[in-house]
Amino acid sequence: TGEHGQAADVTNREIDVAVRDLLEKGFTRAKDILIRRRADLDAGAQL
């Protein structure tokens, strides 16, 4: 259902926030890597 057993509504909210933070952290790390390697990104895409 998207909710978790033996967890209060506040805890379900914290689970959603924690999952969102992990995804945002992964996206930021990926974007920082690609900014540093922009030349490789362009060259690889053209190839």
ModelCIF file with pLDDT and N, C-alpha, C, O atoms, coordinates in Angstrom:
data_MODEL
#
_entry.id   MODEL 
#
_entity.id                         1 
_entity.type                       polymer 
_entity.pdbx_number_of_molecules   1 
#
_entity_poly.entity_id                      1 
_entity_poly.type                           'polypeptide(L)' 
_entity_poly.nstd_linkage                   no 
_entity_poly.nstd_monomer                   no 
_entity_poly.pdbx_seq_one_letter_code       TGEHGQAADVTNREIDVAVRDLLEKGFTRAKDILIRRRADLDAGAQL 
_entity_poly.pdbx_seq_one_letter_code_can   TGEHGQAADVTNREIDVAVRDLLEKGFTRAKDILIRRRADLDAGAQL 
_entity_poly.pdbx_strand_id                 A 
#
loop_
_entity_poly_seq.entity_id 
_entity_poly_seq.num 
_entity_poly_seq.mon_id 
_entity_poly_seq.hetero 
1 1  THR n 
1 2  GLY n 
1 3  GLU n 
1 4  HIS n 
1 5  GLY n 
1 6  GLN n 
1 7  ALA n 
1 8  ALA n 
1 9  ASP n 
1 10 VAL n 
1 11 THR n 
1 12 ASN n 
1 13 ARG n 
1 14 GLU n 
1 15 ILE n 
1 16 ASP n 
1 17 VAL n 
1 18 ALA n 
1 19 VAL n 
1 20 ARG n 
1 21 ASP n 
1 22 LEU n 
1 23 LEU n 
1 24 GLU n 
1 25 LYS n 
1 26 GLY n 
1 27 PHE n 
1 28 THR n 
1 29 ARG n 
1 30 ALA n 
1 31 LYS n 
1 32 ASP n 
1 33 ILE n 
1 34 LEU n 
1 35 ILE n 
1 36 ARG n 
1 37 ARG n 
1 38 ARG n 
1 39 ALA n 
1 40 ASP n 
1 41 LEU n 
1 42 ASP n 
1 43 ALA n 
1 44 GLY n 
1 45 ALA n 
1 46 GLN n 
1 47 LEU n 
#
_struct_asym.id          A 
_struct_asym.entity_id   1 
#
loop_
_ma_qa_metric.id 
_ma_qa_metric.mode 
_ma_qa_metric.name 
_ma_qa_metric.software_group_id 
_ma_qa_metric.type 
1 global pLDDT . pLDDT 
2 local  pLDDT . pLDDT 
#
_ma_qa_metric_global.metric_id      1 
_ma_qa_metric_global.metric_value   87.00 
_ma_qa_metric_global.model_id       1 
_ma_qa_metric_global.ordinal_id     1 
#
loop_
_ma_qa_metric_local.label_asym_id 
_ma_qa_metric_local.label_comp_id 
_ma_qa_metric_local.label_seq_id 
_ma_qa_metric_local.metric_id 
_ma_qa_metric_local.metric_value 
_ma_qa_metric_local.model_id 
_ma_qa_metric_local.ordinal_id 
A THR 1  2 55.00 1 1  
A GLY 2  2 57.00 1 2  
A GLU 3  2 60.00 1 3  
A HIS 4  2 63.00 1 4  
A GLY 5  2 57.00 1 5  
A GLN 6  2 62.00 1 6  
A ALA 7  2 66.00 1 7  
A ALA 8  2 74.00 1 8  
A ASP 9  2 80.00 1 9  
A VAL 10 2 85.00 1 10 
A THR 11 2 84.00 1 11 
A ASN 12 2 86.00 1 12 
A ARG 13 2 89.00 1 13 
A GLU 14 2 90.00 1 14 
A ILE 15 2 91.00 1 15 
A ASP 16 2 91.00 1 16 
A VAL 17 2 93.00 1 17 
A ALA 18 2 93.00 1 18 
A VAL 19 2 94.00 1 19 
A ARG 20 2 95.00 1 20 
A ASP 21 2 95.00 1 21 
A LEU 22 2 95.00 1 22 
A LEU 23 2 96.00 1 23 
A GLU 24 2 96.00 1 24 
A LYS 25 2 95.00 1 25 
A GLY 26 2 95.00 1 26 
A PHE 27 2 95.00 1 27 
A THR 28 2 95.00 1 28 
A ARG 29 2 95.00 1 29 
A ALA 30 2 94.00 1 30 
A LYS 31 2 94.00 1 31 
A ASP 32 2 94.00 1 32 
A ILE 33 2 94.00 1 33 
A LEU 34 2 93.00 1 34 
A ILE 35 2 94.00 1 35 
A ARG 36 2 93.00 1 36 
A ARG 37 2 92.00 1 37 
A ARG 38 2 93.00 1 38 
A ALA 39 2 92.00 1 39 
A ASP 40 2 91.00 1 40 
A LEU 41 2 92.00 1 41 
A ASP 42 2 92.00 1 42 
A ALA 43 2 92.00 1 43 
A GLY 44 2 91.00 1 44 
A ALA 45 2 91.00 1 45 
A GLN 46 2 93.00 1 46 
A LEU 47 2 92.00 1 47 
#
loop_
_atom_site.group_PDB 
_atom_site.id 
_atom_site.type_symbol 
_atom_site.label_atom_id 
_atom_site.label_alt_id 
_atom_site.label_comp_id 
_atom_site.label_asym_id 
_atom_site.label_entity_id 
_atom_site.label_seq_id 
_atom_site.pdbx_PDB_ins_code 
_atom_site.Cartn_x 
_atom_site.Cartn_y 
_atom_site.Cartn_z 
_atom_site.occupancy 
_atom_site.B_iso_or_equiv 
_atom_site.pdbx_formal_charge 
_atom_site.auth_seq_id 
_atom_site.auth_comp_id 
_atom_site.auth_asym_id 
_atom_site.auth_atom_id 
_atom_site.pdbx_PDB_model_num 
ATOM 1   N N  . THR A 1 1  ? 0.810  -1.217 0.000   1.00 55.00 ? 1  THR A N  1 
ATOM 2   C CA . THR A 1 1  ? 0.000  0.000  0.000   1.00 55.00 ? 1  THR A CA 1 
ATOM 3   C C  . THR A 1 1  ? 0.840  1.262  0.000   1.00 55.00 ? 1  THR A C  1 
ATOM 4   O O  . THR A 1 1  ? 0.315  2.350  -0.236  1.00 55.00 ? 1  THR A O  1 
ATOM 5   N N  . GLY A 1 2  ? 2.138  1.140  0.261   1.00 57.00 ? 2  GLY A N  1 
ATOM 6   C CA . GLY A 1 2  ? 2.988  2.321  0.383   1.00 57.00 ? 2  GLY A CA 1 
ATOM 7   C C  . GLY A 1 2  ? 3.241  2.699  1.826   1.00 57.00 ? 2  GLY A C  1 
ATOM 8   O O  . GLY A 1 2  ? 4.155  3.472  2.111   1.00 57.00 ? 2  GLY A O  1 
ATOM 9   N N  . GLU A 1 3  ? 2.434  2.159  2.755   1.00 60.00 ? 3  GLU A N  1 
ATOM 10  C CA . GLU A 1 3  ? 2.652  2.366  4.175   1.00 60.00 ? 3  GLU A CA 1 
ATOM 11  C C  . GLU A 1 3  ? 3.297  1.122  4.768   1.00 60.00 ? 3  GLU A C  1 
ATOM 12  O O  . GLU A 1 3  ? 3.257  0.044  4.175   1.00 60.00 ? 3  GLU A O  1 
ATOM 13  N N  . HIS A 1 4  ? 3.895  1.286  5.952   1.00 63.00 ? 4  HIS A N  1 
ATOM 14  C CA . HIS A 1 4  ? 4.656  0.207  6.548   1.00 63.00 ? 4  HIS A CA 1 
ATOM 15  C C  . HIS A 1 4  ? 4.064  -0.167 7.895   1.00 63.00 ? 4  HIS A C  1 
ATOM 16  O O  . HIS A 1 4  ? 3.705  0.697  8.695   1.00 63.00 ? 4  HIS A O  1 
ATOM 17  N N  . GLY A 1 5  ? 3.967  -1.477 8.132   1.00 57.00 ? 5  GLY A N  1 
ATOM 18  C CA . GLY A 1 5  ? 3.378  -1.971 9.356   1.00 57.00 ? 5  GLY A CA 1 
ATOM 19  C C  . GLY A 1 5  ? 4.185  -1.587 10.578  1.00 57.00 ? 5  GLY A C  1 
ATOM 20  O O  . GLY A 1 5  ? 5.397  -1.392 10.487  1.00 57.00 ? 5  GLY A O  1 
ATOM 21  N N  . GLN A 1 6  ? 3.514  -1.474 11.741  1.00 62.00 ? 6  GLN A N  1 
ATOM 22  C CA . GLN A 1 6  ? 4.130  -1.139 13.016  1.00 62.00 ? 6  GLN A CA 1 
ATOM 23  C C  . GLN A 1 6  ? 4.873  0.192  12.951  1.00 62.00 ? 6  GLN A C  1 
ATOM 24  O O  . GLN A 1 6  ? 5.866  0.384  13.653  1.00 62.00 ? 6  GLN A O  1 
ATOM 25  N N  . ALA A 1 7  ? 4.404  1.097  12.124  1.00 66.00 ? 7  ALA A N  1 
ATOM 26  C CA . ALA A 1 7  ? 5.019  2.415  11.996  1.00 66.00 ? 7  ALA A CA 1 
ATOM 27  C C  . ALA A 1 7  ? 3.935  3.481  12.093  1.00 66.00 ? 7  ALA A C  1 
ATOM 28  O O  . ALA A 1 7  ? 2.879  3.370  11.470  1.00 66.00 ? 7  ALA A O  1 
ATOM 29  N N  . ALA A 1 8  ? 4.212  4.513  12.883  1.00 74.00 ? 8  ALA A N  1 
ATOM 30  C CA . ALA A 1 8  ? 3.262  5.612  13.020  1.00 74.00 ? 8  ALA A CA 1 
ATOM 31  C C  . ALA A 1 8  ? 3.278  6.470  11.763  1.00 74.00 ? 8  ALA A C  1 
ATOM 32  O O  . ALA A 1 8  ? 4.160  6.337  10.914  1.00 74.00 ? 8  ALA A O  1 
ATOM 33  N N  . ASP A 1 9  ? 2.295  7.347  11.659  1.00 80.00 ? 9  ASP A N  1 
ATOM 34  C CA . ASP A 1 9  ? 2.228  8.228  10.493  1.00 80.00 ? 9  ASP A CA 1 
ATOM 35  C C  . ASP A 1 9  ? 3.466  9.102  10.394  1.00 80.00 ? 9  ASP A C  1 
ATOM 36  O O  . ASP A 1 9  ? 3.956  9.378  9.299   1.00 80.00 ? 9  ASP A O  1 
ATOM 37  N N  . VAL A 1 10 ? 3.969  9.536  11.542  1.00 85.00 ? 10 VAL A N  1 
ATOM 38  C CA . VAL A 1 10 ? 5.180  10.369 11.548  1.00 85.00 ? 10 VAL A CA 1 
ATOM 39  C C  . VAL A 1 10 ? 6.366  9.573  11.008  1.00 85.00 ? 10 VAL A C  1 
ATOM 40  O O  . VAL A 1 10 ? 7.189  10.105 10.263  1.00 85.00 ? 10 VAL A O  1 
ATOM 41  N N  . THR A 1 11 ? 6.452  8.301  11.387  1.00 84.00 ? 11 THR A N  1 
ATOM 42  C CA . THR A 1 11 ? 7.560  7.466  10.911  1.00 84.00 ? 11 THR A CA 1 
ATOM 43  C C  . THR A 1 11 ? 7.459  7.223  9.415   1.00 84.00 ? 11 THR A C  1 
ATOM 44  O O  . THR A 1 11 ? 8.472  7.243  8.715   1.00 84.00 ? 11 THR A O  1 
ATOM 45  N N  . ASN A 1 12 ? 6.240  6.992  8.914   1.00 86.00 ? 12 ASN A N  1 
ATOM 46  C CA . ASN A 1 12 ? 6.066  6.842  7.466   1.00 86.00 ? 12 ASN A CA 1 
ATOM 47  C C  . ASN A 1 12 ? 6.518  8.086  6.719   1.00 86.00 ? 12 ASN A C  1 
ATOM 48  O O  . ASN A 1 12 ? 7.097  7.993  5.637   1.00 86.00 ? 12 ASN A O  1 
ATOM 49  N N  . ARG A 1 13 ? 6.253  9.245  7.297   1.00 89.00 ? 13 ARG A N  1 
ATOM 50  C CA . ARG A 1 13 ? 6.706  10.505 6.714   1.00 89.00 ? 13 ARG A CA 1 
ATOM 51  C C  . ARG A 1 13 ? 8.237  10.565 6.707   1.00 89.00 ? 13 ARG A C  1 
ATOM 52  O O  . ARG A 1 13 ? 8.837  11.000 5.725   1.00 89.00 ? 13 ARG A O  1 
ATOM 53  N N  . GLU A 1 14 ? 8.866  10.127 7.803   1.00 90.00 ? 14 GLU A N  1 
ATOM 54  C CA . GLU A 1 14 ? 10.332 10.138 7.873   1.00 90.00 ? 14 GLU A CA 1 
ATOM 55  C C  . GLU A 1 14 ? 10.942 9.155  6.873   1.00 90.00 ? 14 GLU A C  1 
ATOM 56  O O  . GLU A 1 14 ? 12.000 9.423  6.305   1.00 90.00 ? 14 GLU A O  1 
ATOM 57  N N  . ILE A 1 15 ? 10.275 8.016  6.657   1.00 91.00 ? 15 ILE A N  1 
ATOM 58  C CA . ILE A 1 15 ? 10.767 7.055  5.656   1.00 91.00 ? 15 ILE A CA 1 
ATOM 59  C C  . ILE A 1 15 ? 10.743 7.687  4.272   1.00 91.00 ? 15 ILE A C  1 
ATOM 60  O O  . ILE A 1 15 ? 11.705 7.557  3.515   1.00 91.00 ? 15 ILE A O  1 
ATOM 61  N N  . ASP A 1 16 ? 9.660  8.363  3.935   1.00 91.00 ? 16 ASP A N  1 
ATOM 62  C CA . ASP A 1 16 ? 9.571  9.022  2.627   1.00 91.00 ? 16 ASP A CA 1 
ATOM 63  C C  . ASP A 1 16 ? 10.665 10.068 2.459   1.00 91.00 ? 16 ASP A C  1 
ATOM 64  O O  . ASP A 1 16 ? 11.269 10.177 1.392   1.00 91.00 ? 16 ASP A O  1 
ATOM 65  N N  . VAL A 1 17 ? 10.919 10.840 3.521   1.00 93.00 ? 17 VAL A N  1 
ATOM 66  C CA . VAL A 1 17 ? 11.950 11.883 3.449   1.00 93.00 ? 17 VAL A CA 1 
ATOM 67  C C  . VAL A 1 17 ? 13.332 11.256 3.296   1.00 93.00 ? 17 VAL A C  1 
ATOM 68  O O  . VAL A 1 17 ? 14.155 11.746 2.523   1.00 93.00 ? 17 VAL A O  1 
ATOM 69  N N  . ALA A 1 18 ? 13.592 10.163 4.038   1.00 93.00 ? 18 ALA A N  1 
ATOM 70  C CA . ALA A 1 18 ? 14.900 9.514  3.952   1.00 93.00 ? 18 ALA A CA 1 
ATOM 71  C C  . ALA A 1 18 ? 15.150 8.938  2.564   1.00 93.00 ? 18 ALA A C  1 
ATOM 72  O O  . ALA A 1 18 ? 16.259 9.035  2.039   1.00 93.00 ? 18 ALA A O  1 
ATOM 73  N N  . VAL A 1 19 ? 14.116 8.336  1.967   1.00 94.00 ? 19 VAL A N  1 
ATOM 74  C CA . VAL A 1 19 ? 14.263 7.798  0.609   1.00 94.00 ? 19 VAL A CA 1 
ATOM 75  C C  . VAL A 1 19 ? 14.515 8.921  -0.381  1.00 94.00 ? 19 VAL A C  1 
ATOM 76  O O  . VAL A 1 19 ? 15.370 8.801  -1.258  1.00 94.00 ? 19 VAL A O  1 
ATOM 77  N N  . ARG A 1 20 ? 13.767 10.020 -0.241  1.00 95.00 ? 20 ARG A N  1 
ATOM 78  C CA . ARG A 1 20 ? 13.957 11.155 -1.141  1.00 95.00 ? 20 ARG A CA 1 
ATOM 79  C C  . ARG A 1 20 ? 15.360 11.740 -1.003  1.00 95.00 ? 20 ARG A C  1 
ATOM 80  O O  . ARG A 1 20 ? 15.969 12.121 -2.002  1.00 95.00 ? 20 ARG A O  1 
ATOM 81  N N  . ASP A 1 21 ? 15.883 11.817 0.228   1.00 95.00 ? 21 ASP A N  1 
ATOM 82  C CA . ASP A 1 21 ? 17.228 12.362 0.435   1.00 95.00 ? 21 ASP A CA 1 
ATOM 83  C C  . ASP A 1 21 ? 18.291 11.478 -0.210  1.00 95.00 ? 21 ASP A C  1 
ATOM 84  O O  . ASP A 1 21 ? 19.245 11.986 -0.799  1.00 95.00 ? 21 ASP A O  1 
ATOM 85  N N  . LEU A 1 22 ? 18.134 10.165 -0.102  1.00 95.00 ? 22 LEU A N  1 
ATOM 86  C CA . LEU A 1 22 ? 19.098 9.256  -0.732  1.00 95.00 ? 22 LEU A CA 1 
ATOM 87  C C  . LEU A 1 22 ? 19.101 9.426  -2.250  1.00 95.00 ? 22 LEU A C  1 
ATOM 88  O O  . LEU A 1 22 ? 20.162 9.427  -2.874  1.00 95.00 ? 22 LEU A O  1 
ATOM 89  N N  . LEU A 1 23 ? 17.926 9.570  -2.840  1.00 96.00 ? 23 LEU A N  1 
ATOM 90  C CA . LEU A 1 23 ? 17.843 9.744  -4.288  1.00 96.00 ? 23 LEU A CA 1 
ATOM 91  C C  . LEU A 1 23 ? 18.436 11.075 -4.718  1.00 96.00 ? 23 LEU A C  1 
ATOM 92  O O  . LEU A 1 23 ? 19.138 11.148 -5.726  1.00 96.00 ? 23 LEU A O  1 
ATOM 93  N N  . GLU A 1 24 ? 18.157 12.124 -3.960  1.00 96.00 ? 24 GLU A N  1 
ATOM 94  C CA . GLU A 1 24 ? 18.708 13.435 -4.301  1.00 96.00 ? 24 GLU A CA 1 
ATOM 95  C C  . GLU A 1 24 ? 20.223 13.447 -4.151  1.00 96.00 ? 24 GLU A C  1 
ATOM 96  O O  . GLU A 1 24 ? 20.923 14.068 -4.951  1.00 96.00 ? 24 GLU A O  1 
ATOM 97  N N  . LYS A 1 25 ? 20.732 12.763 -3.128  1.00 95.00 ? 25 LYS A N  1 
ATOM 98  C CA . LYS A 1 25 ? 22.178 12.679 -2.943  1.00 95.00 ? 25 LYS A CA 1 
ATOM 99  C C  . LYS A 1 25 ? 22.827 11.944 -4.117  1.00 95.00 ? 25 LYS A C  1 
ATOM 100 O O  . LYS A 1 25 ? 23.870 12.372 -4.612  1.00 95.00 ? 25 LYS A O  1 
ATOM 101 N N  . GLY A 1 26 ? 22.211 10.824 -4.571  1.00 95.00 ? 26 GLY A N  1 
ATOM 102 C CA . GLY A 1 26 ? 22.754 10.097 -5.710  1.00 95.00 ? 26 GLY A CA 1 
ATOM 103 C C  . GLY A 1 26 ? 22.719 10.912 -6.980  1.00 95.00 ? 26 GLY A C  1 
ATOM 104 O O  . GLY A 1 26 ? 23.653 10.860 -7.781  1.00 95.00 ? 26 GLY A O  1 
ATOM 105 N N  . PHE A 1 27 ? 21.639 11.675 -7.176  1.00 95.00 ? 27 PHE A N  1 
ATOM 106 C CA . PHE A 1 27 ? 21.538 12.523 -8.370  1.00 95.00 ? 27 PHE A CA 1 
ATOM 107 C C  . PHE A 1 27 ? 22.602 13.615 -8.351  1.00 95.00 ? 27 PHE A C  1 
ATOM 108 O O  . PHE A 1 27 ? 23.224 13.897 -9.374  1.00 95.00 ? 27 PHE A O  1 
ATOM 109 N N  . THR A 1 28 ? 22.809 14.230 -7.187  1.00 95.00 ? 28 THR A N  1 
ATOM 110 C CA . THR A 1 28 ? 23.818 15.297 -7.081  1.00 95.00 ? 28 THR A CA 1 
ATOM 111 C C  . THR A 1 28 ? 25.214 14.759 -7.347  1.00 95.00 ? 28 THR A C  1 
ATOM 112 O O  . THR A 1 28 ? 26.006 15.401 -8.037  1.00 95.00 ? 28 THR A O  1 
ATOM 113 N N  . ARG A 1 29 ? 25.527 13.572 -6.800  1.00 95.00 ? 29 ARG A N  1 
ATOM 114 C CA . ARG A 1 29 ? 26.846 12.979 -7.039  1.00 95.00 ? 29 ARG A CA 1 
ATOM 115 C C  . ARG A 1 29 ? 27.052 12.689 -8.519  1.00 95.00 ? 29 ARG A C  1 
ATOM 116 O O  . ARG A 1 29 ? 28.118 12.969 -9.067  1.00 95.00 ? 29 ARG A O  1 
ATOM 117 N N  . ALA A 1 30 ? 26.035 12.128 -9.167  1.00 94.00 ? 30 ALA A N  1 
ATOM 118 C CA . ALA A 1 30 ? 26.150 11.817 -10.592 1.00 94.00 ? 30 ALA A CA 1 
ATOM 119 C C  . ALA A 1 30 ? 26.345 13.088 -11.404 1.00 94.00 ? 30 ALA A C  1 
ATOM 120 O O  . ALA A 1 30 ? 27.164 13.115 -12.323 1.00 94.00 ? 30 ALA A O  1 
ATOM 121 N N  . LYS A 1 31 ? 25.603 14.139 -11.077 1.00 94.00 ? 31 LYS A N  1 
ATOM 122 C CA . LYS A 1 31 ? 25.718 15.378 -11.841 1.00 94.00 ? 31 LYS A CA 1 
ATOM 123 C C  . LYS A 1 31 ? 27.080 16.033 -11.642 1.00 94.00 ? 31 LYS A C  1 
ATOM 124 O O  . LYS A 1 31 ? 27.647 16.575 -12.591 1.00 94.00 ? 31 LYS A O  1 
ATOM 125 N N  . ASP A 1 32 ? 27.613 15.990 -10.422 1.00 94.00 ? 32 ASP A N  1 
ATOM 126 C CA . ASP A 1 32 ? 28.944 16.560 -10.170 1.00 94.00 ? 32 ASP A CA 1 
ATOM 127 C C  . ASP A 1 32 ? 30.016 15.828 -10.976 1.00 94.00 ? 32 ASP A C  1 
ATOM 128 O O  . ASP A 1 32 ? 30.929 16.449 -11.519 1.00 94.00 ? 32 ASP A O  1 
ATOM 129 N N  . ILE A 1 33 ? 29.894 14.500 -11.049 1.00 94.00 ? 33 ILE A N  1 
ATOM 130 C CA . ILE A 1 33 ? 30.865 13.724 -11.835 1.00 94.00 ? 33 ILE A CA 1 
ATOM 131 C C  . ILE A 1 33 ? 30.800 14.121 -13.305 1.00 94.00 ? 33 ILE A C  1 
ATOM 132 O O  . ILE A 1 33 ? 31.839 14.292 -13.941 1.00 94.00 ? 33 ILE A O  1 
ATOM 133 N N  . LEU A 1 34 ? 29.608 14.269 -13.847 1.00 93.00 ? 34 LEU A N  1 
ATOM 134 C CA . LEU A 1 34 ? 29.460 14.588 -15.260 1.00 93.00 ? 34 LEU A CA 1 
ATOM 135 C C  . LEU A 1 34 ? 29.887 16.022 -15.565 1.00 93.00 ? 34 LEU A C  1 
ATOM 136 O O  . LEU A 1 34 ? 30.352 16.304 -16.670 1.00 93.00 ? 34 LEU A O  1 
ATOM 137 N N  . ILE A 1 35 ? 29.737 16.924 -14.608 1.00 94.00 ? 35 ILE A N  1 
ATOM 138 C CA . ILE A 1 35 ? 30.234 18.293 -14.817 1.00 94.00 ? 35 ILE A CA 1 
ATOM 139 C C  . ILE A 1 35 ? 31.749 18.277 -14.949 1.00 94.00 ? 35 ILE A C  1 
ATOM 140 O O  . ILE A 1 35 ? 32.315 18.958 -15.805 1.00 94.00 ? 35 ILE A O  1 
ATOM 141 N N  . ARG A 1 36 ? 32.404 17.490 -14.092 1.00 93.00 ? 36 ARG A N  1 
ATOM 142 C CA . ARG A 1 36 ? 33.868 17.402 -14.159 1.00 93.00 ? 36 ARG A CA 1 
ATOM 143 C C  . ARG A 1 36 ? 34.322 16.703 -15.437 1.00 93.00 ? 36 ARG A C  1 
ATOM 144 O O  . ARG A 1 36 ? 35.392 17.013 -15.962 1.00 93.00 ? 36 ARG A O  1 
ATOM 145 N N  . ARG A 1 37 ? 33.528 15.770 -15.939 1.00 92.00 ? 37 ARG A N  1 
ATOM 146 C CA . ARG A 1 37 ? 33.918 14.992 -17.107 1.00 92.00 ? 37 ARG A CA 1 
ATOM 147 C C  . ARG A 1 37 ? 33.063 15.362 -18.321 1.00 92.00 ? 37 ARG A C  1 
ATOM 148 O O  . ARG A 1 37 ? 32.715 14.497 -19.126 1.00 92.00 ? 37 ARG A O  1 
ATOM 149 N N  . ARG A 1 38 ? 32.730 16.634 -18.448 1.00 93.00 ? 38 ARG A N  1 
ATOM 150 C CA . ARG A 1 38 ? 31.863 17.071 -19.540 1.00 93.00 ? 38 ARG A CA 1 
ATOM 151 C C  . ARG A 1 38 ? 32.483 16.790 -20.909 1.00 93.00 ? 38 ARG A C  1 
ATOM 152 O O  . ARG A 1 38 ? 31.774 16.440 -21.852 1.00 93.00 ? 38 ARG A O  1 
ATOM 153 N N  . ALA A 1 39 ? 33.789 16.940 -21.017 1.00 92.00 ? 39 ALA A N  1 
ATOM 154 C CA . ALA A 1 39 ? 34.440 16.679 -22.308 1.00 92.00 ? 39 ALA A CA 1 
ATOM 155 C C  . ALA A 1 39 ? 34.290 15.209 -22.702 1.00 92.00 ? 39 ALA A C  1 
ATOM 156 O O  . ALA A 1 39 ? 34.012 14.910 -23.864 1.00 92.00 ? 39 ALA A O  1 
ATOM 157 N N  . ASP A 1 40 ? 34.472 14.282 -21.742 1.00 91.00 ? 40 ASP A N  1 
ATOM 158 C CA . ASP A 1 40 ? 34.284 12.861 -22.033 1.00 91.00 ? 40 ASP A CA 1 
ATOM 159 C C  . ASP A 1 40 ? 32.828 12.564 -22.372 1.00 91.00 ? 40 ASP A C  1 
ATOM 160 O O  . ASP A 1 40 ? 32.548 11.725 -23.228 1.00 91.00 ? 40 ASP A O  1 
ATOM 161 N N  . LEU A 1 41 ? 31.895 13.253 -21.701 1.00 92.00 ? 41 LEU A N  1 
ATOM 162 C CA . LEU A 1 41 ? 30.469 13.040 -21.970 1.00 92.00 ? 41 LEU A CA 1 
ATOM 163 C C  . LEU A 1 41 ? 30.135 13.416 -23.407 1.00 92.00 ? 41 LEU A C  1 
ATOM 164 O O  . LEU A 1 41 ? 29.444 12.667 -24.098 1.00 92.00 ? 41 LEU A O  1 
ATOM 165 N N  . ASP A 1 42 ? 30.620 14.570 -23.864 1.00 92.00 ? 42 ASP A N  1 
ATOM 166 C CA . ASP A 1 42 ? 30.340 14.999 -25.234 1.00 92.00 ? 42 ASP A CA 1 
ATOM 167 C C  . ASP A 1 42 ? 30.999 14.083 -26.261 1.00 92.00 ? 42 ASP A C  1 
ATOM 168 O O  . ASP A 1 42 ? 30.386 13.704 -27.259 1.00 92.00 ? 42 ASP A O  1 
ATOM 169 N N  . ALA A 1 43 ? 32.266 13.734 -25.997 1.00 92.00 ? 43 ALA A N  1 
ATOM 170 C CA . ALA A 1 43 ? 32.990 12.884 -26.951 1.00 92.00 ? 43 ALA A CA 1 
ATOM 171 C C  . ALA A 1 43 ? 32.355 11.491 -27.035 1.00 92.00 ? 43 ALA A C  1 
ATOM 172 O O  . ALA A 1 43 ? 32.208 10.934 -28.123 1.00 92.00 ? 43 ALA A O  1 
ATOM 173 N N  . GLY A 1 44 ? 31.981 10.934 -25.873 1.00 91.00 ? 44 GLY A N  1 
ATOM 174 C CA . GLY A 1 44 ? 31.369 9.612  -25.876 1.00 91.00 ? 44 GLY A CA 1 
ATOM 175 C C  . GLY A 1 44 ? 30.020 9.598  -26.565 1.00 91.00 ? 44 GLY A C  1 
ATOM 176 O O  . GLY A 1 44 ? 29.698 8.642  -27.270 1.00 91.00 ? 44 GLY A O  1 
ATOM 177 N N  . ALA A 1 45 ? 29.221 10.645 -26.373 1.00 91.00 ? 45 ALA A N  1 
ATOM 178 C CA . ALA A 1 45 ? 27.922 10.713 -27.024 1.00 91.00 ? 45 ALA A CA 1 
ATOM 179 C C  . ALA A 1 45 ? 28.065 10.810 -28.536 1.00 91.00 ? 45 ALA A C  1 
ATOM 180 O O  . ALA A 1 45 ? 27.305 10.183 -29.274 1.00 91.00 ? 45 ALA A O  1 
ATOM 181 N N  . GLN A 1 46 ? 29.029 11.586 -28.998 1.00 93.00 ? 46 GLN A N  1 
ATOM 182 C CA . GLN A 1 46 ? 29.246 11.699 -30.435 1.00 93.00 ? 46 GLN A CA 1 
ATOM 183 C C  . GLN A 1 46 ? 29.696 10.374 -31.044 1.00 93.00 ? 46 GLN A C  1 
ATOM 184 O O  . GLN A 1 46 ? 29.284 10.014 -32.147 1.00 93.00 ? 46 GLN A O  1 
ATOM 185 N N  . LEU A 1 47 ? 30.551 9.649  -30.307 1.00 92.00 ? 47 LEU A N  1 
ATOM 186 C CA . LEU A 1 47 ? 30.991 8.342  -30.803 1.00 92.00 ? 47 LEU A CA 1 
ATOM 187 C C  . LEU A 1 47 ? 29.827 7.348  -30.824 1.00 92.00 ? 47 LEU A C  1 
ATOM 188 O O  . LEU A 1 47 ? 30.008 6.194  -31.212 1.00 92.00 ? 47 LEU A O  1 
#
